[in-house]
């Protein structure tokens, strides 16, 4: 049996560790001040999922939680290796950027990171490759943004959200 003081010390230690983990969980990559060196951001939040050159010719980094997560963050990196504003990129607002001009598959990947799912949809004579990104539609609903990439899979033809089947409860399966 442990002494009362030892038990109290263990409880305090557990509370302190829990508080530390809770506070660490509060650190958000979007709170990164513009101009922070990429090496510092990487040290705190891990290596980016993707580094690429965006549509404007700027270096870009993306931290993604795909294929099962619903969040990703992106930032431009200047010539001195400093990140500009880090922003959430899997949002209804940000997907609207796809309405601006023509988007190639490489440009979509650079803007949003790798998709959660790559599949096909449509009848054989109009079948298209579809990239699906898991995200929270309206910051609430478990959804997929379907980005249609044409028959060859090389250019955006349309995009729209839909429910994420991973979160749809099916009554045919018995509960445990």
C-alpha atoms as a PDB file:
ATOM      1  CA  UNK A   1       0.000   0.000   0.000  1.00  0.00           C
ATOM      2  CA  UNK A   2       1.250   3.485  -0.814  1.00  0.00           C
ATOM      3  CA  UNK A   3       1.537   6.158   1.811  1.00  0.00           C
ATOM      4  CA  UNK A   4      -0.900   9.020   1.732  1.00  0.00           C
ATOM      5  CA  UNK A   5       1.822  11.575   0.862  1.00  0.00           C
ATOM      6  CA  UNK A   6       3.142   9.373  -1.968  1.00  0.00           C
ATOM      7  CA  UNK A   7      -0.401   9.019  -3.384  1.00  0.00           C
ATOM      8  CA  UNK A   8      -0.885  12.787  -3.119  1.00  0.00           C
ATOM      9  CA  UNK A   9       2.451  13.378  -4.917  1.00  0.00           C
ATOM     10  CA  UNK A  10       1.428  10.972  -7.702  1.00  0.00           C
ATOM     11  CA  UNK A  11      -1.939  12.707  -8.068  1.00  0.00           C
ATOM     12  CA  UNK A  12      -0.292  16.143  -8.276  1.00  0.00           C
ATOM     13  CA  UNK A  13       2.181  14.835 -10.845  1.00  0.00           C
ATOM     14  CA  UNK A  14      -0.617  13.369 -12.944  1.00  0.00           C
ATOM     15  CA  UNK A  15      -2.569  16.634 -12.754  1.00  0.00           C
ATOM     16  CA  UNK A  16       0.506  18.651 -13.738  1.00  0.00           C
ATOM     17  CA  UNK A  17       1.231  16.320 -16.656  1.00  0.00           C
ATOM     18  CA  UNK A  18      -2.395  16.469 -17.773  1.00  0.00           C
ATOM     19  CA  UNK A  19      -2.394  20.268 -17.568  1.00  0.00           C
ATOM     20  CA  UNK A  20       0.830  20.366 -19.571  1.00  0.00           C
ATOM     21  CA  UNK A  21      -0.651  18.163 -22.276  1.00  0.00           C
ATOM     22  CA  UNK A  22      -3.811  20.260 -22.298  1.00  0.00           C
ATOM     23  CA  UNK A  23      -1.810  23.471 -22.704  1.00  0.00           C
ATOM     24  CA  UNK A  24       0.358  21.928 -25.424  1.00  0.00           C
ATOM     25  CA  UNK A  25      -2.833  20.931 -27.229  1.00  0.00           C
ATOM     26  CA  UNK A  26      -3.858  24.592 -27.230  1.00  0.00           C
ATOM     27  CA  UNK A  27      -0.874  25.537 -29.359  1.00  0.00           C
ATOM     28  CA  UNK A  28      -2.239  26.075 -32.844  1.00  0.00           C
ATOM     29  CA  UNK A  29      -0.256  26.254 -36.028  1.00  0.00           C
ATOM     30  CA  UNK A  30      -2.498  29.123 -37.172  1.00  0.00           C
ATOM     31  CA  UNK A  31      -1.171  31.218 -34.269  1.00  0.00           C
ATOM     32  CA  UNK A  32       2.291  31.162 -35.871  1.00  0.00           C
ATOM     33  CA  UNK A  33       3.331  34.785 -36.426  1.00  0.00           C
ATOM     34  CA  UNK A  34       4.099  35.710 -40.057  1.00  0.00           C
ATOM     35  CA  UNK A  35       7.856  35.810 -40.590  1.00  0.00           C
ATOM     36  CA  UNK A  36       8.583  32.807 -38.368  1.00  0.00           C
ATOM     37  CA  UNK A  37      11.389  30.665 -39.836  1.00  0.00           C
ATOM     38  CA  UNK A  38      10.077  27.437 -41.377  1.00  0.00           C
ATOM     39  CA  UNK A  39      12.658  25.508 -39.334  1.00  0.00           C
ATOM     40  CA  UNK A  40      11.052  26.828 -36.135  1.00  0.00           C
ATOM     41  CA  UNK A  41       7.523  25.937 -37.306  1.00  0.00           C
ATOM     42  CA  UNK A  42       8.750  22.472 -38.306  1.00  0.00           C
ATOM     43  CA  UNK A  43      10.408  21.983 -34.918  1.00  0.00           C
ATOM     44  CA  UNK A  44       7.128  22.783 -33.154  1.00  0.00           C
ATOM     45  CA  UNK A  45       4.549  21.162 -35.456  1.00  0.00           C
ATOM     46  CA  UNK A  46       6.511  18.598 -37.456  1.00  0.00           C
ATOM     47  CA  UNK A  47       7.578  18.447 -41.060  1.00  0.00           C
ATOM     48  CA  UNK A  48       5.064  19.611 -43.659  1.00  0.00           C
ATOM     49  CA  UNK A  49       3.223  16.896 -45.544  1.00  0.00           C
ATOM     50  CA  UNK A  50       4.047  18.658 -48.791  1.00  0.00           C
ATOM     51  CA  UNK A  51       6.426  21.323 -50.094  1.00  0.00           C
ATOM     52  CA  UNK A  52       5.801  22.662 -53.595  1.00  0.00           C
ATOM     53  CA  UNK A  53       5.682  25.725 -55.831  1.00  0.00           C
ATOM     54  CA  UNK A  54       2.188  27.280 -56.040  1.00  0.00           C
ATOM     55  CA  UNK A  55       0.351  28.810 -59.024  1.00  0.00           C
ATOM     56  CA  UNK A  56       2.067  32.161 -58.481  1.00  0.00           C
ATOM     57  CA  UNK A  57       5.547  30.607 -58.355  1.00  0.00           C
ATOM     58  CA  UNK A  58       5.941  30.913 -54.552  1.00  0.00           C
ATOM     59  CA  UNK A  59       7.237  28.166 -52.286  1.00  0.00           C
ATOM     60  CA  UNK A  60       4.347  26.636 -50.361  1.00  0.00           C
ATOM     61  CA  UNK A  61       4.080  24.208 -47.455  1.00  0.00           C
ATOM     62  CA  UNK A  62       1.064  22.154 -46.410  1.00  0.00           C
ATOM     63  CA  UNK A  63       0.495  20.270 -43.165  1.00  0.00           C
ATOM     64  CA  UNK A  64      -2.327  17.784 -43.773  1.00  0.00           C
ATOM     65  CA  UNK A  65      -4.241  15.290 -41.650  1.00  0.00           C
ATOM     66  CA  UNK A  66      -5.608  13.455 -44.710  1.00  0.00           C
ATOM     67  CA  UNK A  67      -6.581  10.684 -45.380  1.00  0.00           C
ATOM     68  CA  UNK A  68      -8.583  10.282 -42.145  1.00  0.00           C
ATOM     69  CA  UNK A  69      -8.283  13.759 -40.618  1.00  0.00           C
ATOM     70  CA  UNK A  70     -10.436  16.722 -41.622  1.00  0.00           C
ATOM     71  CA  UNK A  71      -7.893  19.514 -41.360  1.00  0.00           C
ATOM     72  CA  UNK A  72      -4.932  20.897 -43.289  1.00  0.00           C
ATOM     73  CA  UNK A  73      -2.992  24.154 -43.060  1.00  0.00           C
ATOM     74  CA  UNK A  74      -0.982  25.922 -45.707  1.00  0.00           C
ATOM     75  CA  UNK A  75       1.461  28.815 -45.925  1.00  0.00           C
ATOM     76  CA  UNK A  76       3.699  30.568 -48.398  1.00  0.00           C
ATOM     77  CA  UNK A  77       7.423  30.558 -47.628  1.00  0.00           C
ATOM     78  CA  UNK A  78       9.497  33.581 -48.625  1.00  0.00           C
ATOM     79  CA  UNK A  79      13.013  33.519 -50.113  1.00  0.00           C
ATOM     80  CA  UNK A  80      14.535  33.768 -46.607  1.00  0.00           C
ATOM     81  CA  UNK A  81      12.703  30.614 -45.462  1.00  0.00           C
ATOM     82  CA  UNK A  82      10.085  32.399 -43.339  1.00  0.00           C
ATOM     83  CA  UNK A  83       6.457  31.349 -43.403  1.00  0.00           C
ATOM     84  CA  UNK A  84       3.792  33.905 -44.084  1.00  0.00           C
ATOM     85  CA  UNK A  85       0.337  33.557 -42.516  1.00  0.00           C
ATOM     86  CA  UNK A  86      -0.538  29.900 -41.811  1.00  0.00           C
ATOM     87  CA  UNK A  87      -4.185  29.307 -42.702  1.00  0.00           C
ATOM     88  CA  UNK A  88      -6.654  26.421 -42.571  1.00  0.00           C
ATOM     89  CA  UNK A  89      -7.169  25.287 -46.168  1.00  0.00           C
ATOM     90  CA  UNK A  90      -9.874  22.616 -45.999  1.00  0.00           C
ATOM     91  CA  UNK A  91     -12.754  25.057 -45.609  1.00  0.00           C
ATOM     92  CA  UNK A  92     -15.747  25.973 -47.757  1.00  0.00           C
ATOM     93  CA  UNK A  93     -14.300  29.451 -48.158  1.00  0.00           C
ATOM     94  CA  UNK A  94     -10.896  28.256 -49.314  1.00  0.00           C
ATOM     95  CA  UNK A  95     -12.287  25.672 -51.757  1.00  0.00           C
ATOM     96  CA  UNK A  96     -13.910  28.595 -53.623  1.00  0.00           C
ATOM     97  CA  UNK A  97     -10.452  29.443 -54.962  1.00  0.00           C
ATOM     98  CA  UNK A  98     -11.007  26.589 -57.431  1.00  0.00           C
ATOM     99  CA  UNK A  99     -13.455  28.880 -59.283  1.00  0.00           C
ATOM    100  CA  UNK A 100     -10.558  31.151 -60.263  1.00  0.00           C
ATOM    101  CA  UNK A 101      -9.144  30.055 -63.607  1.00  0.00           C
ATOM    102  CA  UNK A 102      -7.976  26.621 -64.652  1.00  0.00           C
ATOM    103  CA  UNK A 103      -6.475  24.272 -62.057  1.00  0.00           C
ATOM    104  CA  UNK A 104      -4.180  21.346 -62.850  1.00  0.00           C
ATOM    105  CA  UNK A 105      -3.875  18.306 -60.603  1.00  0.00           C
ATOM    106  CA  UNK A 106      -0.427  19.458 -59.412  1.00  0.00           C
ATOM    107  CA  UNK A 107      -1.803  22.893 -58.532  1.00  0.00           C
ATOM    108  CA  UNK A 108      -4.701  21.401 -56.551  1.00  0.00           C
ATOM    109  CA  UNK A 109      -2.310  19.126 -54.655  1.00  0.00           C
ATOM    110  CA  UNK A 110      -0.037  22.096 -53.906  1.00  0.00           C
ATOM    111  CA  UNK A 111      -2.963  24.240 -52.702  1.00  0.00           C
ATOM    112  CA  UNK A 112      -4.838  21.646 -50.602  1.00  0.00           C
ATOM    113  CA  UNK A 113      -2.351  18.824 -50.048  1.00  0.00           C
ATOM    114  CA  UNK A 114      -2.935  15.195 -50.965  1.00  0.00           C
ATOM    115  CA  UNK A 115      -6.576  14.075 -51.167  1.00  0.00           C
ATOM    116  CA  UNK A 116      -8.048  11.531 -48.778  1.00  0.00           C
ATOM    117  CA  UNK A 117      -9.453   9.439 -51.635  1.00  0.00           C
ATOM    118  CA  UNK A 118      -8.855   9.226 -55.379  1.00  0.00           C
ATOM    119  CA  UNK A 119     -11.646   7.412 -57.182  1.00  0.00           C
ATOM    120  CA  UNK A 120     -13.772   7.546 -60.328  1.00  0.00           C
ATOM    121  CA  UNK A 121     -17.394   8.540 -60.802  1.00  0.00           C
ATOM    122  CA  UNK A 122     -19.886   8.586 -63.641  1.00  0.00           C
ATOM    123  CA  UNK A 123     -21.048   6.362 -66.444  1.00  0.00           C
ATOM    124  CA  UNK A 124     -18.331   4.806 -68.627  1.00  0.00           C
ATOM    125  CA  UNK A 125     -18.599   7.403 -71.413  1.00  0.00           C
ATOM    126  CA  UNK A 126     -18.400  10.348 -68.959  1.00  0.00           C
ATOM    127  CA  UNK A 127     -16.323   8.802 -66.165  1.00  0.00           C
ATOM    128  CA  UNK A 128     -14.092  11.274 -64.300  1.00  0.00           C
ATOM    129  CA  UNK A 129     -11.367  10.952 -61.722  1.00  0.00           C
ATOM    130  CA  UNK A 130     -12.491  12.462 -58.402  1.00  0.00           C
ATOM    131  CA  UNK A 131     -10.284  13.649 -55.592  1.00  0.00           C
ATOM    132  CA  UNK A 132     -12.059  13.735 -52.226  1.00  0.00           C
ATOM    133  CA  UNK A 133     -10.921  15.842 -49.285  1.00  0.00           C
ATOM    134  CA  UNK A 134     -12.296  15.158 -45.803  1.00  0.00           C
ATOM    135  CA  UNK A 135     -13.285  18.369 -44.026  1.00  0.00           C
ATOM    136  CA  UNK A 136     -15.844  20.024 -41.747  1.00  0.00           C
ATOM    137  CA  UNK A 137     -18.407  21.679 -44.010  1.00  0.00           C
ATOM    138  CA  UNK A 138     -19.521  24.980 -42.476  1.00  0.00           C
ATOM    139  CA  UNK A 139     -17.056  24.088 -39.682  1.00  0.00           C
ATOM    140  CA  UNK A 140     -19.632  21.536 -38.414  1.00  0.00           C
ATOM    141  CA  UNK A 141     -20.601  18.710 -40.795  1.00  0.00           C
ATOM    142  CA  UNK A 142     -18.426  15.665 -41.530  1.00  0.00           C
ATOM    143  CA  UNK A 143     -18.079  16.042 -45.282  1.00  0.00           C
ATOM    144  CA  UNK A 144     -16.019  15.360 -48.370  1.00  0.00           C
ATOM    145  CA  UNK A 145     -15.222  17.987 -50.972  1.00  0.00           C
ATOM    146  CA  UNK A 146     -15.374  16.184 -54.296  1.00  0.00           C
ATOM    147  CA  UNK A 147     -12.984  17.717 -56.826  1.00  0.00           C
ATOM    148  CA  UNK A 148     -13.658  16.323 -60.296  1.00  0.00           C
ATOM    149  CA  UNK A 149     -10.460  16.099 -62.351  1.00  0.00           C
ATOM    150  CA  UNK A 150     -11.820  15.115 -65.777  1.00  0.00           C
ATOM    151  CA  UNK A 151     -11.363  11.850 -67.657  1.00  0.00           C
ATOM    152  CA  UNK A 152      -7.575  12.112 -67.690  1.00  0.00           C
ATOM    153  CA  UNK A 153      -7.375  13.262 -64.066  1.00  0.00           C
ATOM    154  CA  UNK A 154      -5.307  16.304 -64.930  1.00  0.00           C
ATOM    155  CA  UNK A 155      -7.608  19.349 -64.610  1.00  0.00           C
ATOM    156  CA  UNK A 156     -10.488  20.483 -62.367  1.00  0.00           C
ATOM    157  CA  UNK A 157     -13.860  20.376 -64.116  1.00  0.00           C
ATOM    158  CA  UNK A 158     -16.113  20.963 -61.089  1.00  0.00           C
ATOM    159  CA  UNK A 159     -16.262  20.534 -57.322  1.00  0.00           C
ATOM    160  CA  UNK A 160     -18.947  20.168 -54.673  1.00  0.00           C
ATOM    161  CA  UNK A 161     -19.356  18.942 -51.087  1.00  0.00           C
ATOM    162  CA  UNK A 162     -21.189  15.876 -49.888  1.00  0.00           C
ATOM    163  CA  UNK A 163     -21.578  13.845 -46.700  1.00  0.00           C
ATOM    164  CA  UNK A 164     -18.617  11.714 -45.659  1.00  0.00           C
ATOM    165  CA  UNK A 165     -19.743   8.060 -45.725  1.00  0.00           C
ATOM    166  CA  UNK A 166     -17.185   7.267 -43.035  1.00  0.00           C
ATOM    167  CA  UNK A 167     -19.427   9.081 -40.534  1.00  0.00           C
ATOM    168  CA  UNK A 168     -22.805   7.805 -41.694  1.00  0.00           C
ATOM    169  CA  UNK A 169     -24.300   5.348 -39.232  1.00  0.00           C
ATOM    170  CA  UNK A 170     -25.646   2.211 -40.841  1.00  0.00           C
ATOM    171  CA  UNK A 171     -28.554   0.539 -38.963  1.00  0.00           C
ATOM    172  CA  UNK A 172     -27.840  -2.798 -40.644  1.00  0.00           C
ATOM    173  CA  UNK A 173     -24.771  -3.359 -38.452  1.00  0.00           C
ATOM    174  CA  UNK A 174     -25.440  -4.662 -34.948  1.00  0.00           C
ATOM    175  CA  UNK A 175     -24.368  -2.435 -32.072  1.00  0.00           C
ATOM    176  CA  UNK A 176     -21.911  -3.768 -29.562  1.00  0.00           C
END
